[in-house]
């Protein structure tokens, strides 16, 4: 088994600190995470900030008109669906939880549009409760490096619970997100400058083989030329 702490420390030292738009505010972290699905971070953050500036809190968003919210988040993916969804979420939290986002996984996942990833991000970033939030970056990086070897986010989450000590569970997701955006990208990862490439399965099994093949082709082309 690979040493998570050693890998994590190297990754953390190589990436900028991830900025959460609404640090320690469970409601706006929840809304931002719902908006973030299939949407770039910068677009999500701008939309969430504009919503916050207009509605301020759960009570304000619960009383919003769908067409107004849709206009504010118009650049977010599936804005028509999400505008109705986040108002529905705000109203449910007002009615069922007196305006306060619940701090328990089982309650969070009862909220429409809230799955395991969203619930765990709210727990870790809003309540500072240890949990494993597996988004696309965490799923890709964990399996690429070889921390786990799973085919789905759900199984990756369960496997990572056995790998990541609790004291790292709150902060590891933002670190992996930044690493996934800057170095361990979905396409054309920067393996040559990766701080953990020496212990990465993808680097050993895929990247180096590609480099060797390119070098062989280059060498054969050079040999075939007449001087």
Protein backbone atom coordinates (compact mmCIF):
# COMPACT_ATOMS: atom_id res chain seq x y z
CA UNK A 1 0.00 0.00 0.00
CA UNK A 2 1.27 3.48 -0.88
CA UNK A 3 1.98 6.02 1.85
CA UNK A 4 -0.87 8.54 1.65
CA UNK A 5 0.69 11.06 4.04
CA UNK A 6 3.95 11.20 2.08
CA UNK A 7 2.09 11.59 -1.22
CA UNK A 8 -0.31 14.16 0.21
CA UNK A 9 2.45 16.33 1.68
CA UNK A 10 4.28 16.46 -1.66
CA UNK A 11 1.09 17.33 -3.54
CA UNK A 12 0.10 20.01 -1.04
CA UNK A 13 3.49 21.69 -1.27
CA UNK A 14 3.20 21.87 -5.07
CA UNK A 15 -0.20 23.55 -5.46
CA UNK A 16 -1.77 26.86 -4.38
CA UNK A 17 -4.25 26.85 -1.54
CA UNK A 18 -7.78 26.19 -2.76
CA UNK A 19 -10.11 29.11 -2.08
CA UNK A 20 -13.63 28.24 -1.01
CA UNK A 21 -15.96 31.12 -1.84
CA UNK A 22 -17.99 30.64 1.35
CA UNK A 23 -15.67 29.08 3.88
CA UNK A 24 -17.43 27.74 6.99
CA UNK A 25 -20.92 28.66 5.70
CA UNK A 26 -22.76 25.33 5.25
CA UNK A 27 -25.71 26.80 3.35
CA UNK A 28 -23.72 28.62 0.69
CA UNK A 29 -21.23 25.77 0.40
CA UNK A 30 -24.23 23.51 -0.29
CA UNK A 31 -25.65 25.88 -2.91
CA UNK A 32 -22.24 26.38 -4.53
CA UNK A 33 -21.64 22.64 -4.74
CA UNK A 34 -25.03 22.05 -6.37
CA UNK A 35 -24.24 24.78 -8.90
CA UNK A 36 -20.77 23.34 -9.58
CA UNK A 37 -22.01 20.16 -11.23
CA UNK A 38 -20.75 20.21 -14.86
CA UNK A 39 -19.64 23.83 -14.47
CA UNK A 40 -16.18 25.42 -14.26
CA UNK A 41 -15.06 26.67 -10.86
CA UNK A 42 -14.77 30.33 -11.88
CA UNK A 43 -18.29 30.34 -13.33
CA UNK A 44 -19.68 28.60 -10.26
CA UNK A 45 -18.00 30.99 -7.83
CA UNK A 46 -19.20 34.07 -9.71
CA UNK A 47 -22.78 32.79 -9.83
CA UNK A 48 -22.78 31.86 -6.14
CA UNK A 49 -21.34 35.24 -5.16
CA UNK A 50 -24.02 37.05 -7.17
CA UNK A 51 -26.72 34.95 -5.50
CA UNK A 52 -25.27 35.73 -2.08
CA UNK A 53 -25.13 39.46 -2.81
CA UNK A 54 -28.81 39.48 -3.75
CA UNK A 55 -30.35 36.98 -1.32
CA UNK A 56 -27.82 36.83 1.55
CA UNK A 57 -29.14 33.71 3.28
CA UNK A 58 -31.42 30.69 3.15
CA UNK A 59 -34.53 32.75 3.92
CA UNK A 60 -33.80 35.16 1.09
CA UNK A 61 -33.18 32.45 -1.50
CA UNK A 62 -36.27 30.53 -0.38
CA UNK A 63 -38.40 33.53 -1.35
CA UNK A 64 -36.74 34.10 -4.72
CA UNK A 65 -38.46 33.85 -8.09
CA UNK A 66 -37.09 31.08 -10.36
CA UNK A 67 -36.78 33.43 -13.32
CA UNK A 68 -34.68 35.87 -11.28
CA UNK A 69 -32.37 33.12 -10.05
CA UNK A 70 -32.07 31.67 -13.54
CA UNK A 71 -30.92 35.04 -14.84
CA UNK A 72 -28.30 35.37 -12.10
CA UNK A 73 -26.86 31.89 -12.76
CA UNK A 74 -27.38 31.95 -16.54
CA UNK A 75 -23.77 30.95 -17.32
CA UNK A 76 -23.95 27.88 -15.09
CA UNK A 77 -24.62 24.53 -16.77
CA UNK A 78 -28.29 23.49 -16.66
CA UNK A 79 -29.25 26.86 -15.18
CA UNK A 80 -32.97 26.27 -15.74
CA UNK A 81 -32.95 23.08 -13.67
CA UNK A 82 -30.54 24.38 -11.03
CA UNK A 83 -32.42 27.64 -10.47
CA UNK A 84 -35.53 25.69 -9.46
CA UNK A 85 -33.51 23.14 -7.52
CA UNK A 86 -31.66 25.57 -5.26
CA UNK A 87 -34.87 27.44 -4.42
CA UNK A 88 -36.46 24.09 -3.57
CA UNK A 89 -33.47 23.25 -1.38
CA UNK A 90 -33.64 26.61 0.41
CA UNK A 91 -37.36 26.20 1.09
CA UNK A 92 -36.90 22.67 2.39
CA UNK A 93 -34.14 23.80 4.75
CA UNK A 94 -36.35 26.64 5.99
CA UNK A 95 -39.36 24.37 6.52
CA UNK A 96 -37.69 21.23 7.85
CA UNK A 97 -34.51 22.51 9.52
CA UNK A 98 -35.48 26.06 10.57
CA UNK A 99 -33.07 27.59 8.08
CA UNK A 100 -29.98 25.70 9.25
CA UNK A 101 -28.30 23.09 7.06
CA UNK A 102 -28.17 19.73 8.88
CA UNK A 103 -24.72 18.54 9.87
CA UNK A 104 -25.39 14.83 9.41
CA UNK A 105 -24.77 12.79 6.26
CA UNK A 106 -28.08 10.92 6.41
CA UNK A 107 -30.04 14.17 6.65
CA UNK A 108 -28.05 15.92 3.93
CA UNK A 109 -28.62 13.14 1.42
CA UNK A 110 -32.38 13.48 1.91
CA UNK A 111 -32.19 16.93 0.33
CA UNK A 112 -33.05 16.95 -3.42
CA UNK A 113 -29.95 17.02 -5.59
CA UNK A 114 -27.58 16.13 -2.75
CA UNK A 115 -25.56 12.97 -3.23
CA UNK A 116 -22.58 11.59 -1.40
CA UNK A 117 -20.03 14.02 -2.87
CA UNK A 118 -22.08 17.12 -2.10
CA UNK A 119 -22.97 15.93 1.39
CA UNK A 120 -19.34 15.20 2.21
CA UNK A 121 -18.15 18.57 0.90
CA UNK A 122 -20.71 20.30 3.13
CA UNK A 123 -19.59 18.21 6.10
CA UNK A 124 -15.87 18.81 5.57
CA UNK A 125 -15.90 22.44 4.47
CA UNK A 126 -19.01 23.70 6.26
CA UNK A 127 -18.84 21.78 9.53
CA UNK A 128 -15.20 20.61 9.64
CA UNK A 129 -16.37 17.02 10.08
CA UNK A 130 -14.05 14.35 8.60
CA UNK A 131 -15.46 12.71 5.46
CA UNK A 132 -14.30 11.55 2.02
CA UNK A 133 -15.57 13.84 -0.74
CA UNK A 134 -14.93 12.16 -4.10
CA UNK A 135 -15.35 14.49 -7.05
CA UNK A 136 -13.93 13.95 -10.55
CA UNK A 137 -10.47 15.15 -9.49
CA UNK A 138 -10.25 12.93 -6.41
CA UNK A 139 -11.55 9.93 -8.35
CA UNK A 140 -9.05 10.40 -11.17
CA UNK A 141 -6.00 11.21 -9.04
CA UNK A 142 -6.53 8.50 -6.43
CA UNK A 143 -6.83 5.79 -9.05
CA UNK A 144 -4.10 7.16 -11.32
CA UNK A 145 -1.53 7.26 -8.56
CA UNK A 146 -2.66 3.90 -7.23
CA UNK A 147 -3.86 4.91 -3.78
CA UNK A 148 -6.89 2.80 -4.67
CA UNK A 149 -7.92 0.73 -7.68
CA UNK A 150 -11.64 1.24 -8.18
CA UNK A 151 -13.99 1.76 -11.12
CA UNK A 152 -16.60 4.05 -9.55
CA UNK A 153 -16.64 7.13 -7.28
CA UNK A 154 -18.72 5.22 -4.73
CA UNK A 155 -16.21 2.39 -4.42
CA UNK A 156 -13.36 4.89 -4.45
CA UNK A 157 -14.92 6.68 -1.47
CA UNK A 158 -15.18 3.45 0.51
CA UNK A 159 -11.62 2.45 -0.36
CA UNK A 160 -10.20 5.86 0.54
CA UNK A 161 -11.75 5.65 3.99
CA UNK A 162 -9.22 2.91 4.69
CA UNK A 163 -6.33 4.90 3.22
CA UNK A 164 -6.77 8.49 4.43
CA UNK A 165 -6.38 9.18 8.17
CA UNK A 166 -9.25 11.21 9.64
CA UNK A 167 -7.12 14.25 10.36
CA UNK A 168 -6.47 14.65 6.61
CA UNK A 169 -10.03 14.07 5.42
CA UNK A 170 -11.20 17.66 5.90
CA UNK A 171 -8.50 19.30 3.80
CA UNK A 172 -7.46 16.67 1.25
CA UNK A 173 -10.28 17.31 -1.26
CA UNK A 174 -9.41 20.99 -1.92
CA UNK A 175 -5.73 20.04 -2.28
CA UNK A 176 -6.51 17.28 -4.79
CA UNK A 177 -8.82 19.63 -6.71
CA UNK A 178 -6.02 22.15 -7.20
CA UNK A 179 -3.60 19.36 -8.12
CA UNK A 180 -6.11 18.01 -10.63
CA UNK A 181 -6.56 21.40 -12.27
CA UNK A 182 -2.89 22.32 -12.50
CA UNK A 183 -0.83 19.10 -12.82
CA UNK A 184 -2.79 15.84 -12.81
CA UNK A 185 -5.18 17.06 -15.50
CA UNK A 186 -7.79 14.83 -17.18
CA UNK A 187 -6.06 15.20 -20.55
CA UNK A 188 -2.31 15.66 -21.00
CA UNK A 189 -1.32 15.50 -17.33
CA UNK A 190 2.00 17.18 -16.54
CA UNK A 191 3.69 13.99 -15.42
CA UNK A 192 7.17 15.36 -16.09
CA UNK A 193 6.82 17.96 -13.30
CA UNK A 194 4.60 15.93 -10.97
CA UNK A 195 5.99 15.84 -7.40
CA UNK A 196 4.76 12.27 -6.88
CA UNK A 197 5.58 10.72 -10.25
CA UNK A 198 8.14 8.36 -8.73
CA UNK A 199 5.38 6.56 -6.82
CA UNK A 200 2.60 6.94 -9.40
CA UNK A 201 1.20 3.93 -11.25
CA UNK A 202 0.15 6.02 -14.26
CA UNK A 203 3.62 7.53 -14.58
CA UNK A 204 5.29 4.12 -14.53
CA UNK A 205 2.78 2.15 -16.57
CA UNK A 206 1.56 4.71 -19.10
CA UNK A 207 3.57 7.93 -19.29
CA UNK A 208 7.07 6.42 -19.40
CA UNK A 209 5.99 3.85 -21.99
CA UNK A 210 4.67 6.64 -24.22
CA UNK A 211 7.93 8.54 -23.87
CA UNK A 212 9.97 5.43 -24.70
CA UNK A 213 7.84 4.71 -27.77
CA UNK A 214 8.27 8.28 -29.01
CA UNK A 215 12.01 8.07 -28.50
CA UNK A 216 12.19 4.79 -30.44
CA UNK A 217 10.23 6.27 -33.35
CA UNK A 218 12.42 9.36 -33.30
CA UNK A 219 15.58 7.24 -33.21
CA UNK A 220 14.45 5.00 -36.08
CA UNK A 221 13.64 8.06 -38.17
CA UNK A 222 17.08 9.50 -37.54
CA UNK A 223 18.80 6.23 -38.49
CA UNK A 224 16.86 6.03 -41.73
CA UNK A 225 18.08 9.39 -42.99
CA UNK A 226 20.97 9.58 -45.45
CA UNK A 227 23.92 11.79 -44.58
